[in-house]
Amino acid sequence: MDIAGVDLFCGVGGLTHGFERAGIPVAAGIDVDPDCRYPYEENNDAKFVEADVSEMSSEDVADLFPDGSFKILAGCAPCQPFSNYNNGVDSSEMDDWALLTEFGRLVQDIEPDIVAMENVQEIRNHRVYSDFIDTLFKAGYDISINKVDCEKYGVPQSRRRLLVLASKHSDISLIDPTHTGYNGHVTVEETIGNGKLNPIEAGEADDEDPLHRTQTLSEINLERIRQSTPGGTWRDWDEELILDCHKKDSGSSYDSVYGRMEWKGTAPTITTQFYGYGSGRFGHPEQDRAISLREGAMLQTFPKDYSFVEEETDEISFKQIGRFVGNAVPVRIAEVVGESINQHLNNINVTDRIETQDRGGNAVRDVAQPQRTESSGAEPLQ
């Protein structure tokens, strides 16, 4: 029996790439954005299906799995409606609310062996989430709900996420944190420092890597970043550089905007606007510029050589790459989910052994072929 995953809302392939690194094959990724096709297929051994998940029948999605395979259905429904970064916009009318419901529909109809869902933690406050958990519970899944500090799993960001794992076969759980203790996190320096990338100035691009490029800064913003210290705030600036909004009581608490990262610390959550110096603490620790598109991708744990555009023909757009990177599931977190699935497969009953392979065709581990057992489900957490 083969193991196969299908990645819903796959974007450029962060979740798929992490699964592949864990030795879990992915048959296909589905996304409505045609611009995701090139990076998804260029970097992964899976086909890209350009489609709106809400308009796909369950049969169409089920047909993406090889016949007789052990099925893993995974995905991160777009999280903007639920995120703290939604800037106070009323999210109740957003179309994206329906996408997690569509995920639940597919689970109910296809009944995959394992379900994996990643999203922002704030989703727990919304009915669409409790309905999704209830769908899993009623379908007989054992459910594991995990509030995850991504730093503890090797992601060099201050990033909090919710991971839901569910199995038709027995209890399933997330692996224990891999980075704990004093200074146990992966640092900004380890990720984008130590000579990994050539130094560049604001508005420049590296000839060796067109994605290692930064936005131009105005003269006043150049002066602001020159006066910024790693981990400091706009309070370090001369009075004439401070924005009027920060002088008001309502803006005095926004310390992180226009800030520099610290080499020995972790990055803030990488958003779709990480390339903008004024969008958060996205200033480079020592160079007078915001982080580059490549640096943002590396902080999202994409490999340094992950290809996002056909550089010979495509013009590189900050907005597009920002969306690609900021909306992605960090590759390392997807790998952790894959490792958790591996642990689960090795714990359940076996009738024979399955050998999974990495992208080069090399055996990376043996996993147990599951045998369906009675499952009472797990009470959903509210």
Protein backbone atom coordinates (compact mmCIF):
# COMPACT_ATOMS: atom_id res chain seq x y z
CA MET A 1 0.00 0.00 0.00
CA ASP A 2 1.29 3.43 -0.93
CA ILE A 3 1.10 6.49 1.30
CA ALA A 4 -0.07 9.65 -0.47
CA GLY A 5 -0.94 13.16 0.58
CA VAL A 6 -3.07 15.82 -1.05
CA ASP A 7 -2.32 19.43 -0.09
CA LEU A 8 -5.36 21.72 -0.10
CA PHE A 9 -4.74 25.47 -0.55
CA CYS A 10 -1.15 24.50 -1.36
CA GLY A 11 0.21 27.89 -2.44
CA VAL A 12 3.86 27.62 -3.47
CA GLY A 13 4.33 24.34 -1.60
CA GLY A 14 5.54 25.00 1.95
CA LEU A 15 3.45 22.17 3.40
CA THR A 16 4.20 19.80 0.53
CA HIS A 17 7.95 20.48 0.74
CA GLY A 18 7.96 19.79 4.47
CA PHE A 19 6.08 16.53 3.97
CA GLU A 20 8.56 15.46 1.30
CA ARG A 21 11.47 16.26 3.60
CA ALA A 22 9.85 13.97 6.17
CA GLY A 23 9.61 11.21 3.56
CA ILE A 24 5.87 11.48 2.94
CA PRO A 25 4.96 11.56 -0.77
CA VAL A 26 2.40 14.13 -1.91
CA ALA A 27 0.36 13.30 -4.98
CA ALA A 28 -0.99 16.79 -5.69
CA GLY A 29 -1.50 20.29 -4.42
CA ILE A 30 -4.62 22.34 -5.13
CA ASP A 31 -4.74 26.11 -5.32
CA VAL A 32 -6.80 28.71 -7.14
CA ASP A 33 -3.78 30.93 -7.90
CA PRO A 34 -2.18 30.02 -11.25
CA ASP A 35 1.02 31.87 -10.29
CA CYS A 36 1.71 29.13 -7.73
CA ARG A 37 2.08 26.44 -10.39
CA TYR A 38 5.72 27.14 -11.27
CA PRO A 39 7.17 27.25 -7.72
CA TYR A 40 5.01 24.35 -6.59
CA GLU A 41 5.99 21.96 -9.37
CA GLU A 42 9.58 23.20 -9.76
CA ASN A 43 10.47 22.43 -6.14
CA ASN A 44 8.31 19.40 -5.38
CA ASP A 45 7.52 15.96 -6.76
CA ALA A 46 3.80 16.62 -6.95
CA LYS A 47 1.44 17.96 -9.57
CA PHE A 48 -0.29 21.31 -9.25
CA VAL A 49 -4.06 21.41 -9.73
CA GLU A 50 -5.37 24.90 -10.47
CA ALA A 51 -8.83 24.89 -8.96
CA ASP A 52 -11.05 26.45 -6.34
CA VAL A 53 -11.42 23.85 -3.59
CA SER A 54 -14.95 25.06 -2.93
CA GLU A 55 -15.92 24.19 -6.51
CA MET A 56 -14.27 20.76 -6.60
CA SER A 57 -16.35 17.67 -5.99
CA SER A 58 -15.21 15.18 -3.39
CA GLU A 59 -14.81 12.63 -6.18
CA ASP A 60 -12.39 14.92 -8.03
CA VAL A 61 -10.23 15.32 -4.95
CA ALA A 62 -10.40 11.62 -4.08
CA ASP A 63 -9.24 10.74 -7.60
CA LEU A 64 -5.95 12.56 -6.92
CA PHE A 65 -4.95 9.80 -4.50
CA PRO A 66 -3.46 6.63 -6.04
CA ASP A 67 -5.84 3.68 -5.98
CA GLY A 68 -5.76 1.84 -2.67
CA SER A 69 -3.41 4.33 -1.02
CA PHE A 70 -3.21 5.32 2.63
CA LYS A 71 -4.66 8.83 2.34
CA ILE A 72 -3.45 11.97 4.09
CA LEU A 73 -5.51 15.12 3.48
CA ALA A 74 -3.76 18.26 4.68
CA GLY A 75 -4.04 21.98 4.30
CA CYS A 76 -4.06 25.48 5.70
CA ALA A 77 -7.18 27.36 4.66
CA PRO A 78 -6.29 31.04 4.10
CA CYS A 79 -6.06 32.50 7.58
CA GLN A 80 -6.54 36.24 6.99
CA PRO A 81 -10.12 36.18 8.31
CA PHE A 82 -8.93 34.86 11.67
CA SER A 83 -5.54 36.55 12.09
CA ASN A 84 -4.46 39.22 14.57
CA TYR A 85 -3.01 41.00 11.52
CA ASN A 86 -6.46 41.62 10.03
CA ASN A 87 -6.28 45.27 11.16
CA GLY A 88 -9.71 45.29 12.72
CA VAL A 89 -11.56 44.49 9.51
CA ASP A 90 -14.89 42.72 10.05
CA SER A 91 -14.11 39.20 8.88
CA SER A 92 -17.61 37.77 9.16
CA GLU A 93 -18.40 38.52 5.52
CA MET A 94 -15.14 37.25 4.02
CA ASP A 95 -15.44 34.46 1.46
CA ASP A 96 -12.41 32.71 2.98
CA TRP A 97 -14.54 31.79 5.97
CA ALA A 98 -16.09 29.07 3.82
CA LEU A 99 -12.81 27.37 2.93
CA LEU A 100 -12.37 25.53 6.22
CA THR A 101 -15.97 24.38 5.82
CA GLU A 102 -15.03 23.02 2.40
CA PHE A 103 -12.09 21.20 3.99
CA GLY A 104 -14.56 19.60 6.40
CA ARG A 105 -16.83 18.61 3.52
CA LEU A 106 -13.96 16.79 1.81
CA VAL A 107 -13.00 15.03 5.03
CA GLN A 108 -16.57 13.90 5.57
CA ASP A 109 -16.95 12.56 2.02
CA ILE A 110 -13.48 11.10 1.38
CA GLU A 111 -12.73 9.86 4.91
CA PRO A 112 -8.94 10.03 4.56
CA ASP A 113 -6.86 7.98 6.98
CA ILE A 114 -5.19 11.08 8.42
CA VAL A 115 -6.15 14.76 8.43
CA ALA A 116 -3.71 17.59 9.17
CA MET A 117 -4.81 21.21 9.47
CA GLU A 118 -2.63 24.25 10.26
CA ASN A 119 -3.93 27.74 10.96
CA VAL A 120 -3.63 30.76 13.23
CA GLN A 121 -4.56 30.18 16.85
CA GLU A 122 -7.30 32.82 16.70
CA ILE A 123 -9.39 30.48 14.55
CA ARG A 124 -10.40 28.71 17.78
CA ASN A 125 -12.66 31.68 18.56
CA HIS A 126 -14.85 31.11 15.51
CA ARG A 127 -17.75 28.81 14.76
CA VAL A 128 -16.20 27.57 11.52
CA TYR A 129 -13.43 25.96 13.56
CA SER A 130 -15.69 24.23 16.07
CA ASP A 131 -17.79 22.95 13.17
CA PHE A 132 -14.63 21.50 11.56
CA ILE A 133 -13.64 19.74 14.80
CA ASP A 134 -17.18 18.46 15.21
CA THR A 135 -17.05 17.02 11.68
CA LEU A 136 -13.89 15.10 12.57
CA PHE A 137 -15.36 13.90 15.85
CA LYS A 138 -18.58 12.64 14.27
CA ALA A 139 -16.62 10.89 11.51
CA GLY A 140 -14.80 8.78 14.12
CA TYR A 141 -11.38 10.43 14.13
CA ASP A 142 -9.03 10.54 17.09
CA ILE A 143 -8.10 14.19 17.32
CA SER A 144 -5.03 16.00 18.62
CA ILE A 145 -5.26 19.80 18.95
CA ASN A 146 -1.97 21.61 19.51
CA LYS A 147 -1.19 25.24 20.22
CA VAL A 148 2.31 25.47 18.81
CA ASP A 149 5.14 27.88 19.52
CA CYS A 150 7.02 27.47 16.25
CA GLU A 151 10.32 28.57 17.84
CA LYS A 152 10.31 25.31 19.80
CA TYR A 153 10.37 23.34 16.56
CA GLY A 154 13.23 25.14 14.84
CA VAL A 155 11.42 27.97 13.06
CA PRO A 156 13.38 31.22 13.57
CA GLN A 157 10.26 33.28 14.16
CA SER A 158 8.02 34.35 16.99
CA ARG A 159 5.10 32.52 15.42
CA ARG A 160 2.13 30.85 17.11
CA ARG A 161 -0.02 28.39 15.22
CA LEU A 162 -2.73 25.80 15.74
CA LEU A 163 -2.10 22.28 14.45
CA VAL A 164 -4.89 19.73 14.29
CA LEU A 165 -4.00 16.08 13.61
CA ALA A 166 -6.68 13.42 13.26
CA SER A 167 -6.49 9.70 12.54
CA LYS A 168 -9.02 7.01 11.69
CA HIS A 169 -6.78 4.36 13.26
CA SER A 170 -5.74 5.32 16.80
CA ASP A 171 -4.44 8.16 18.93
CA ILE A 172 -2.19 10.58 17.09
CA SER A 173 -0.04 13.31 18.59
CA LEU A 174 2.46 15.97 17.66
CA ILE A 175 6.09 15.10 18.33
CA ASP A 176 7.74 16.74 21.32
CA PRO A 177 9.43 20.11 20.78
CA THR A 178 12.83 19.77 19.13
CA HIS A 179 14.31 23.09 20.33
CA THR A 180 13.94 23.81 24.04
CA GLY A 181 15.85 25.22 26.97
CA TYR A 182 17.84 28.42 27.31
CA ASN A 183 18.49 29.96 23.89
CA GLY A 184 17.18 26.76 22.35
CA HIS A 185 15.71 28.48 19.32
CA VAL A 186 17.21 28.90 15.85
CA THR A 187 18.39 32.49 15.51
CA VAL A 188 18.15 35.08 12.76
CA GLU A 189 21.93 34.92 12.48
CA GLU A 190 21.94 31.16 11.96
CA THR A 191 19.30 31.54 9.26
CA ILE A 192 20.30 34.56 7.19
CA GLY A 193 23.65 35.64 8.68
CA ASN A 194 27.16 34.23 8.80
CA GLY A 195 27.83 35.05 5.15
CA LYS A 196 24.94 33.01 3.76
CA LEU A 197 23.93 35.91 1.50
CA ASN A 198 25.83 38.79 -0.07
CA PRO A 199 25.41 42.22 1.54
CA ILE A 200 23.13 44.56 -0.43
CA GLU A 201 21.75 48.05 0.07
CA ALA A 202 18.17 49.27 0.09
CA GLY A 203 16.71 49.08 -3.41
CA GLU A 204 19.39 46.67 -4.69
CA ALA A 205 19.25 43.11 -5.97
CA ASP A 206 22.00 40.50 -5.80
CA ASP A 207 23.27 39.46 -9.24
CA GLU A 208 23.75 35.90 -7.94
CA ASP A 209 20.20 35.60 -6.61
CA PRO A 210 17.51 37.89 -8.07
CA LEU A 211 15.21 37.08 -5.14
CA HIS A 212 17.75 38.57 -2.75
CA ARG A 213 16.45 42.10 -3.35
CA THR A 214 15.10 44.84 -1.13
CA GLN A 215 12.72 47.73 -1.44
CA THR A 216 14.01 51.26 -1.87
CA LEU A 217 13.87 53.46 1.24
CA SER A 218 13.16 57.18 1.28
CA GLU A 219 15.82 59.47 2.73
CA ILE A 220 13.89 59.87 5.97
CA ASN A 221 13.47 56.11 6.36
CA LEU A 222 17.16 55.60 5.64
CA GLU A 223 17.94 57.99 8.47
CA ARG A 224 15.45 56.20 10.71
CA ILE A 225 17.02 52.80 10.18
CA ARG A 226 20.51 54.26 10.66
CA GLN A 227 19.37 55.41 14.09
CA SER A 228 17.71 52.08 14.90
CA THR A 229 19.44 49.53 17.09
CA PRO A 230 18.76 45.77 16.93
CA GLY A 231 15.78 45.07 19.15
CA GLY A 232 15.25 48.80 19.73
CA THR A 233 12.27 51.00 18.88
CA TRP A 234 11.44 54.30 17.20
CA ARG A 235 12.07 55.88 20.62
CA ASP A 236 15.78 55.65 19.74
CA TRP A 237 15.34 58.22 16.94
CA ASP A 238 15.86 61.95 16.96
CA GLU A 239 12.63 63.82 17.66
CA GLU A 240 12.18 65.06 14.09
CA LEU A 241 12.17 61.48 12.75
CA ILE A 242 9.31 60.24 14.95
CA LEU A 243 5.97 59.89 13.17
CA ASP A 244 3.07 61.99 14.44
CA CYS A 245 0.96 58.88 14.99
CA HIS A 246 3.56 57.49 17.40
CA LYS A 247 3.47 60.68 19.46
CA LYS A 248 -0.22 60.09 20.20
CA ASP A 249 -1.29 57.88 23.09
CA SER A 250 -2.98 55.52 20.62
CA GLY A 251 0.29 54.91 18.78
CA SER A 252 2.75 54.90 21.64
CA SER A 253 2.57 51.12 22.11
CA TYR A 254 3.50 50.21 18.53
CA ASP A 255 7.14 49.56 19.34
CA SER A 256 7.78 46.91 16.73
CA VAL A 257 7.20 48.97 13.58
CA TYR A 258 10.33 50.39 11.92
CA GLY A 259 12.47 48.10 14.10
CA ARG A 260 15.58 46.03 13.44
CA MET A 261 15.80 42.32 14.14
CA GLU A 262 18.44 40.96 16.51
CA TRP A 263 21.03 38.45 15.32
CA LYS A 264 20.73 36.31 18.45
CA GLY A 265 16.93 36.47 18.56
CA THR A 266 14.14 35.23 16.33
CA ALA A 267 12.29 37.17 13.68
CA PRO A 268 8.76 38.45 14.15
CA THR A 269 5.99 36.54 12.40
CA ILE A 270 6.70 36.74 8.67
CA THR A 271 3.62 38.35 7.09
CA THR A 272 2.82 39.06 3.45
CA GLN A 273 4.39 42.52 3.90
CA PHE A 274 7.66 41.44 5.50
CA TYR A 275 9.68 43.29 2.84
CA GLY A 276 8.41 46.67 4.09
CA TYR A 277 10.57 48.39 6.70
CA GLY A 278 7.54 50.11 8.23
CA SER A 279 5.38 46.97 8.36
CA GLY A 280 6.91 45.53 11.53
CA ARG A 281 10.32 44.70 12.97
CA PHE A 282 11.59 43.79 9.52
CA GLY A 283 14.78 45.85 9.49
CA HIS A 284 17.99 43.89 8.83
CA PRO A 285 20.08 43.50 12.01
CA GLU A 286 23.05 45.48 10.65
CA GLN A 287 22.53 46.54 7.02
CA ASP A 288 20.49 49.73 6.52
CA ARG A 289 17.50 48.16 4.79
CA ALA A 290 14.52 45.89 5.26
CA ILE A 291 15.06 42.18 4.86
CA SER A 292 15.10 40.88 1.31
CA LEU A 293 12.58 38.61 -0.34
CA ARG A 294 15.04 35.72 -0.07
CA GLU A 295 15.71 36.41 3.60
CA GLY A 296 11.98 36.36 4.32
CA ALA A 297 11.67 33.01 2.56
CA MET A 298 14.60 31.59 4.52
CA LEU A 299 13.06 32.78 7.79
CA GLN A 300 9.97 30.83 6.69
CA THR A 301 12.41 27.88 6.47
CA PHE A 302 12.28 27.53 2.70
CA PRO A 303 15.63 26.28 1.38
CA LYS A 304 17.94 28.99 0.08
CA ASP A 305 17.60 27.66 -3.47
CA TYR A 306 13.79 27.41 -3.49
CA SER A 307 12.71 28.85 -6.83
CA PHE A 308 9.67 31.15 -6.78
CA VAL A 309 9.69 32.59 -10.31
CA GLU A 310 11.10 31.75 -13.71
CA GLU A 311 13.75 34.42 -13.42
CA GLU A 312 14.61 34.45 -17.14
CA THR A 313 11.11 35.58 -18.14
CA ASP A 314 9.20 36.80 -15.10
CA GLU A 315 9.50 40.22 -13.50
CA ILE A 316 9.87 39.81 -9.75
CA SER A 317 7.07 41.49 -7.82
CA PHE A 318 7.52 42.32 -4.13
CA LYS A 319 3.78 42.03 -3.58
CA GLN A 320 3.54 38.64 -5.27
CA ILE A 321 6.55 37.08 -3.54
CA GLY A 322 5.44 38.60 -0.24
CA ARG A 323 2.11 36.85 -0.68
CA PHE A 324 3.78 33.58 -1.68
CA VAL A 325 6.08 33.58 1.35
CA GLY A 326 3.86 35.16 3.99
CA ASN A 327 0.91 32.89 3.29
CA ALA A 328 2.97 29.68 3.29
CA VAL A 329 3.07 27.06 5.99
CA PRO A 330 6.68 27.20 7.24
CA VAL A 331 8.49 24.25 5.70
CA ARG A 332 9.91 23.17 9.07
CA ILE A 333 6.44 23.07 10.68
CA ALA A 334 5.16 20.94 7.80
CA GLU A 335 8.15 18.65 8.31
CA VAL A 336 7.26 18.36 12.01
CA VAL A 337 3.71 17.36 11.04
CA GLY A 338 5.19 14.78 8.67
CA GLU A 339 7.45 13.43 11.41
CA SER A 340 4.43 13.20 13.72
CA ILE A 341 2.56 11.20 11.09
CA ASN A 342 5.60 8.92 10.73
CA GLN A 343 5.60 8.36 14.49
CA HIS A 344 1.90 7.52 14.37
CA LEU A 345 2.33 5.08 11.47
CA ASN A 346 5.10 3.28 13.32
CA ASN A 347 2.89 2.94 16.39
CA ILE A 348 -0.18 1.37 14.81
CA ASN A 349 -0.71 -2.28 13.89
CA VAL A 350 1.16 -3.66 10.89
CA THR A 351 0.63 -6.33 8.28
CA ASP A 352 3.72 -5.51 6.24
CA ARG A 353 6.23 -2.71 5.71
CA ILE A 354 6.10 0.28 3.42
CA GLU A 355 9.25 1.98 2.24
CA THR A 356 9.00 5.70 1.53
CA GLN A 357 11.51 7.51 -0.63
CA ASP A 358 13.00 10.95 -0.81
CA ARG A 359 13.08 13.03 -3.98
CA GLY A 360 16.20 11.24 -5.19
CA GLY A 361 14.57 7.83 -4.86
CA ASN A 362 16.53 6.85 -1.75
CA ALA A 363 14.79 4.97 1.02
CA VAL A 364 14.46 7.24 4.04
CA ARG A 365 12.50 5.10 6.49
CA ASP A 366 10.19 2.14 6.95
CA VAL A 367 6.68 2.86 8.16
CA ALA A 368 3.95 0.55 9.30
CA GLN A 369 1.05 -0.24 7.04
CA PRO A 370 -1.99 0.65 9.12
CA GLN A 371 -4.76 -1.77 9.91
CA ARG A 372 -8.13 -0.17 10.54
CA THR A 373 -9.12 -0.43 14.18
CA GLU A 374 -12.10 0.69 16.23
CA SER A 375 -11.78 4.38 17.07
CA SER A 376 -13.91 6.13 19.63
CA GLY A 377 -12.72 9.59 18.63
CA ALA A 378 -11.48 12.34 20.90
CA GLU A 379 -13.61 14.96 22.58
CA PRO A 380 -13.04 18.24 20.69
CA LEU A 381 -11.42 21.03 22.68
CA GLN A 382 -13.49 24.21 22.89
